[in-house]
Protein backbone atom coordinates (compact mmCIF):
# COMPACT_ATOMS: atom_id res chain seq x y z
CA MET A 1 -34.50 19.03 43.54
CA GLY A 2 -31.04 17.41 43.27
CA ARG A 3 -29.85 14.39 45.00
CA GLU A 4 -30.28 14.70 48.72
CA GLN A 5 -27.98 13.07 51.25
CA SER A 6 -29.76 11.58 54.17
CA LEU A 7 -29.09 13.57 57.33
CA ASP A 8 -28.49 10.35 59.26
CA ALA A 9 -26.24 8.88 56.63
CA THR A 10 -22.47 8.49 57.63
CA TRP A 11 -19.66 9.69 55.51
CA SER A 12 -17.87 7.21 53.30
CA ALA A 13 -14.68 5.69 54.57
CA THR A 14 -12.59 8.37 52.71
CA GLU A 15 -14.54 11.14 54.38
CA ARG A 16 -14.60 9.98 58.04
CA SER A 17 -14.64 12.76 60.55
CA GLY A 18 -16.35 11.39 63.54
CA CYS A 19 -19.46 13.45 63.10
CA ALA A 20 -22.45 13.83 60.69
CA LEU A 21 -25.11 16.37 60.23
CA ALA A 22 -27.51 14.04 62.01
CA GLU A 23 -25.64 15.09 65.16
CA VAL A 24 -27.12 18.60 64.78
CA LEU A 25 -30.65 17.65 64.28
CA PRO A 26 -32.80 15.02 65.85
CA ASP A 27 -34.53 12.31 63.91
CA PRO A 28 -37.62 14.04 62.52
CA GLN A 29 -39.74 10.92 63.45
CA THR A 30 -38.90 11.49 67.21
CA VAL A 31 -40.10 15.12 67.58
CA ASP A 32 -43.52 16.73 67.09
CA ARG A 33 -44.24 19.01 64.26
CA GLU A 34 -43.78 22.18 66.17
CA GLU A 35 -40.42 21.16 67.46
CA ARG A 36 -39.31 20.04 64.05
CA ILE A 37 -40.31 23.52 62.60
CA HIS A 38 -38.30 25.21 65.36
CA ARG A 39 -35.29 22.92 64.64
CA GLU A 40 -35.48 23.70 60.90
CA MET A 41 -35.69 27.37 61.59
CA ASP A 42 -32.57 27.09 63.98
CA LEU A 43 -30.75 25.18 61.20
CA ALA A 44 -31.62 27.85 58.55
CA ARG A 45 -30.38 30.62 60.88
CA GLY A 46 -27.28 28.59 61.80
CA LEU A 47 -26.45 28.08 58.09
CA ALA A 48 -27.04 31.68 57.28
CA ALA A 49 -24.59 32.70 60.13
CA LEU A 50 -21.84 30.39 58.91
CA PRO A 51 -18.94 31.87 56.77
CA PRO A 52 -19.89 31.43 53.15
CA ARG A 53 -17.37 28.70 52.46
CA LEU A 54 -18.48 26.50 55.34
CA ARG A 55 -22.16 26.98 54.49
CA GLU A 56 -21.33 26.07 50.76
CA VAL A 57 -19.53 22.87 51.61
CA ILE A 58 -22.18 21.73 54.04
CA ILE A 59 -25.01 22.39 51.48
CA ALA A 60 -22.88 20.80 48.83
CA ARG A 61 -22.29 17.58 50.89
CA PHE A 62 -25.52 17.12 52.60
CA HIS A 63 -28.18 18.65 50.33
CA ARG A 64 -26.65 17.98 46.91
CA GLY A 65 -24.95 14.80 47.93
CA GLU A 66 -21.49 15.79 46.57
CA THR A 67 -18.40 13.93 47.84
CA ALA A 68 -15.69 15.74 49.69
CA ALA A 69 -13.46 14.78 46.73
CA HIS A 70 -15.75 16.60 44.22
CA ILE A 71 -16.01 19.64 46.49
CA ALA A 72 -12.17 19.63 46.86
CA ARG A 73 -11.66 19.70 43.14
CA ARG A 74 -14.03 22.63 42.79
CA TYR A 75 -12.12 24.61 45.44
CA GLY A 76 -8.67 23.42 44.30
CA ARG A 77 -8.01 22.02 47.77
CA THR A 78 -7.43 18.55 49.15
CA GLN A 79 -10.08 16.20 50.36
CA GLN A 80 -8.67 16.46 53.79
CA THR A 81 -9.12 20.24 53.77
CA VAL A 82 -12.70 19.84 52.72
CA THR A 83 -13.44 17.28 55.47
CA SER A 84 -11.90 19.67 57.98
CA TRP A 85 -14.19 22.44 56.71
CA LEU A 86 -17.17 20.07 57.08
CA ARG A 87 -16.22 19.19 60.63
CA GLN A 88 -15.77 22.89 61.53
CA GLY A 89 -19.10 23.80 59.95
CA ILE A 90 -21.00 21.08 61.77
CA ARG A 91 -19.33 22.00 64.99
CA GLU A 92 -20.36 25.57 64.61
CA LEU A 93 -23.90 24.55 63.62
CA ARG A 94 -24.13 22.26 66.61
CA GLN A 95 -23.18 25.19 68.88
CA MET A 96 -25.79 27.51 67.27
CA VAL A 97 -28.73 25.12 67.53
CA GLU A 98 -28.10 23.79 71.04
C-alpha cells in the first residue's frame, strides 16, 4: 500500500482550502465498529458517485498522499484548479454521507 495521508491532516499552506477530508468522516476512535463500517460504506458509495476526475484527485491527495502541485502537473492544470477540484469533491462527499 502506498503512502497514506491521514484523514485528519490539514493541507499544506500552499493547498489551503478551508476543508479537509476529516470533515467528511468522524474520528474512527469516537464511533463504534458498526458505525465506522456504515461510514466507510457511505464514503465508498460517495466516492463511486463522484465524477471520475473528482474521485481521482481525492484518492490521489488523501490515499496516495500526492500534493496538489503533483496532481496539477499530471493533469496539465494549475495547483489552484486542483485545490478547487478537491474542495468541490469534498463538498459533494460531505453532502452524500450526511
